[in-house]
Amino acid sequence: MPSNYVSKFNLNDQEVIVKDSEARTTANTASTNATNALNKVTELEKLSRVEVTYTQDAETISITAGNHNVE
């Protein structure tokens, strides 16, 4: 790959231009890692929602998965 190779990335609607081949690989890896991390956080957010209810008459506590939308 020539050292003057230019790559363009779009990251959160911001154009990033990389002219160095090693930096291009690093930027691509960072972009992939950031996307993977965001996906994991989104999944964790979905799993972290629970509803806790207490019924005084029966003196019971119920824990169930909550209803929510994470986009």
C-alpha atoms as a PDB file:
ATOM      1  CA  MET A   1       0.000   0.000   0.000  1.00  0.00           C
ATOM      2  CA  PRO A   2       1.536   3.364  -0.960  1.00  0.00           C
ATOM      3  CA  SER A   3       2.413   5.691   1.899  1.00  0.00           C
ATOM      4  CA  ASN A   4       0.372   8.503   0.315  1.00  0.00           C
ATOM      5  CA  TYR A   5      -2.788   6.397   0.248  1.00  0.00           C
ATOM      6  CA  VAL A   6      -5.787   8.393   1.420  1.00  0.00           C
ATOM      7  CA  SER A   7      -8.738   6.844   3.254  1.00  0.00           C
ATOM      8  CA  LYS A   8     -11.933   8.556   4.243  1.00  0.00           C
ATOM      9  CA  PHE A   9     -14.045   7.484   7.201  1.00  0.00           C
ATOM     10  CA  ASN A  10     -17.360   8.876   8.331  1.00  0.00           C
ATOM     11  CA  LEU A  11     -17.569   8.800  12.120  1.00  0.00           C
ATOM     12  CA  ASN A  12     -20.704  10.306  13.654  1.00  0.00           C
ATOM     13  CA  ASP A  13     -21.290  12.448  10.561  1.00  0.00           C
ATOM     14  CA  GLN A  14     -17.714  13.759  10.690  1.00  0.00           C
ATOM     15  CA  GLU A  15     -15.365  12.989   7.814  1.00  0.00           C
ATOM     16  CA  VAL A  16     -11.938  11.724   8.861  1.00  0.00           C
ATOM     17  CA  ILE A  17      -9.190  11.614   6.220  1.00  0.00           C
ATOM     18  CA  VAL A  18      -6.150   9.409   6.869  1.00  0.00           C
ATOM     19  CA  LYS A  19      -3.061   9.593   4.625  1.00  0.00           C
ATOM     20  CA  ASP A  20      -0.790   7.088   6.369  1.00  0.00           C
ATOM     21  CA  SER A  21      -1.361   3.360   5.721  1.00  0.00           C
ATOM     22  CA  GLU A  22      -0.619   2.335   9.315  1.00  0.00           C
ATOM     23  CA  ALA A  23      -2.845   5.088  10.666  1.00  0.00           C
ATOM     24  CA  ARG A  24      -5.559   3.912   8.257  1.00  0.00           C
ATOM     25  CA  THR A  25      -5.484   0.434   9.787  1.00  0.00           C
ATOM     26  CA  THR A  26      -5.465   1.877  13.309  1.00  0.00           C
ATOM     27  CA  ALA A  27      -8.387   4.195  12.524  1.00  0.00           C
ATOM     28  CA  ASN A  28     -10.360   1.351  10.992  1.00  0.00           C
ATOM     29  CA  THR A  29      -9.721  -0.843  14.051  1.00  0.00           C
ATOM     30  CA  ALA A  30     -10.707   2.002  16.406  1.00  0.00           C
ATOM     31  CA  SER A  31     -13.923   2.569  14.461  1.00  0.00           C
ATOM     32  CA  THR A  32     -14.793  -1.141  14.630  1.00  0.00           C
ATOM     33  CA  ASN A  33     -13.990  -1.301  18.351  1.00  0.00           C
ATOM     34  CA  ALA A  34     -16.103   1.782  19.063  1.00  0.00           C
ATOM     35  CA  THR A  35     -19.060   0.295  17.180  1.00  0.00           C
ATOM     36  CA  ASN A  36     -18.707  -3.013  19.040  1.00  0.00           C
ATOM     37  CA  ALA A  37     -18.498  -1.227  22.398  1.00  0.00           C
ATOM     38  CA  LEU A  38     -21.600   0.817  21.627  1.00  0.00           C
ATOM     39  CA  ASN A  39     -23.503  -2.336  20.690  1.00  0.00           C
ATOM     40  CA  LYS A  40     -22.461  -4.013  23.954  1.00  0.00           C
ATOM     41  CA  VAL A  41     -23.527  -0.987  26.005  1.00  0.00           C
ATOM     42  CA  THR A  42     -26.895  -0.970  24.233  1.00  0.00           C
ATOM     43  CA  GLU A  43     -27.398  -4.671  25.007  1.00  0.00           C
ATOM     44  CA  LEU A  44     -26.335  -4.153  28.626  1.00  0.00           C
ATOM     45  CA  GLU A  45     -28.826  -1.297  28.930  1.00  0.00           C
ATOM     46  CA  LYS A  46     -31.578  -3.616  27.712  1.00  0.00           C
ATOM     47  CA  LEU A  47     -30.625  -6.252  30.286  1.00  0.00           C
ATOM     48  CA  SER A  48     -30.325  -3.807  33.176  1.00  0.00           C
ATOM     49  CA  ARG A  49     -34.002  -2.830  33.227  1.00  0.00           C
ATOM     50  CA  VAL A  50     -36.081  -4.605  35.859  1.00  0.00           C
ATOM     51  CA  GLU A  51     -39.314  -3.891  37.685  1.00  0.00           C
ATOM     52  CA  VAL A  52     -39.563  -4.528  41.405  1.00  0.00           C
ATOM     53  CA  THR A  53     -42.987  -4.737  43.033  1.00  0.00           C
ATOM     54  CA  TYR A  54     -43.988  -5.328  46.615  1.00  0.00           C
ATOM     55  CA  THR A  55     -47.339  -6.806  47.599  1.00  0.00           C
ATOM     56  CA  GLN A  56     -48.100  -5.792  51.153  1.00  0.00           C
ATOM     57  CA  ASP A  57     -50.931  -8.266  51.754  1.00  0.00           C
ATOM     58  CA  ALA A  58     -48.801 -11.260  50.789  1.00  0.00           C
ATOM     59  CA  GLU A  59     -45.544  -9.644  51.903  1.00  0.00           C
ATOM     60  CA  THR A  60     -43.849 -10.637  48.650  1.00  0.00           C
ATOM     61  CA  ILE A  61     -41.387  -8.936  46.364  1.00  0.00           C
ATOM     62  CA  SER A  62     -41.451  -9.676  42.633  1.00  0.00           C
ATOM     63  CA  ILE A  63     -38.640  -8.874  40.219  1.00  0.00           C
ATOM     64  CA  THR A  64     -39.396  -9.023  36.491  1.00  0.00           C
ATOM     65  CA  ALA A  65     -37.833  -7.785  33.284  1.00  0.00           C
ATOM     66  CA  GLY A  66     -39.056  -4.273  32.542  1.00  0.00           C
ATOM     67  CA  ASN A  67     -40.599  -3.053  29.332  1.00  0.00           C
ATOM     68  CA  HIS A  68     -38.473  -0.436  27.615  1.00  0.00           C
ATOM     69  CA  ASN A  69     -37.146   0.610  24.265  1.00  0.00           C
ATOM     70  CA  VAL A  70     -33.473   1.263  23.681  1.00  0.00           C
ATOM     71  CA  GLU A  71     -32.499   2.509  20.227  1.00  0.00           C
END
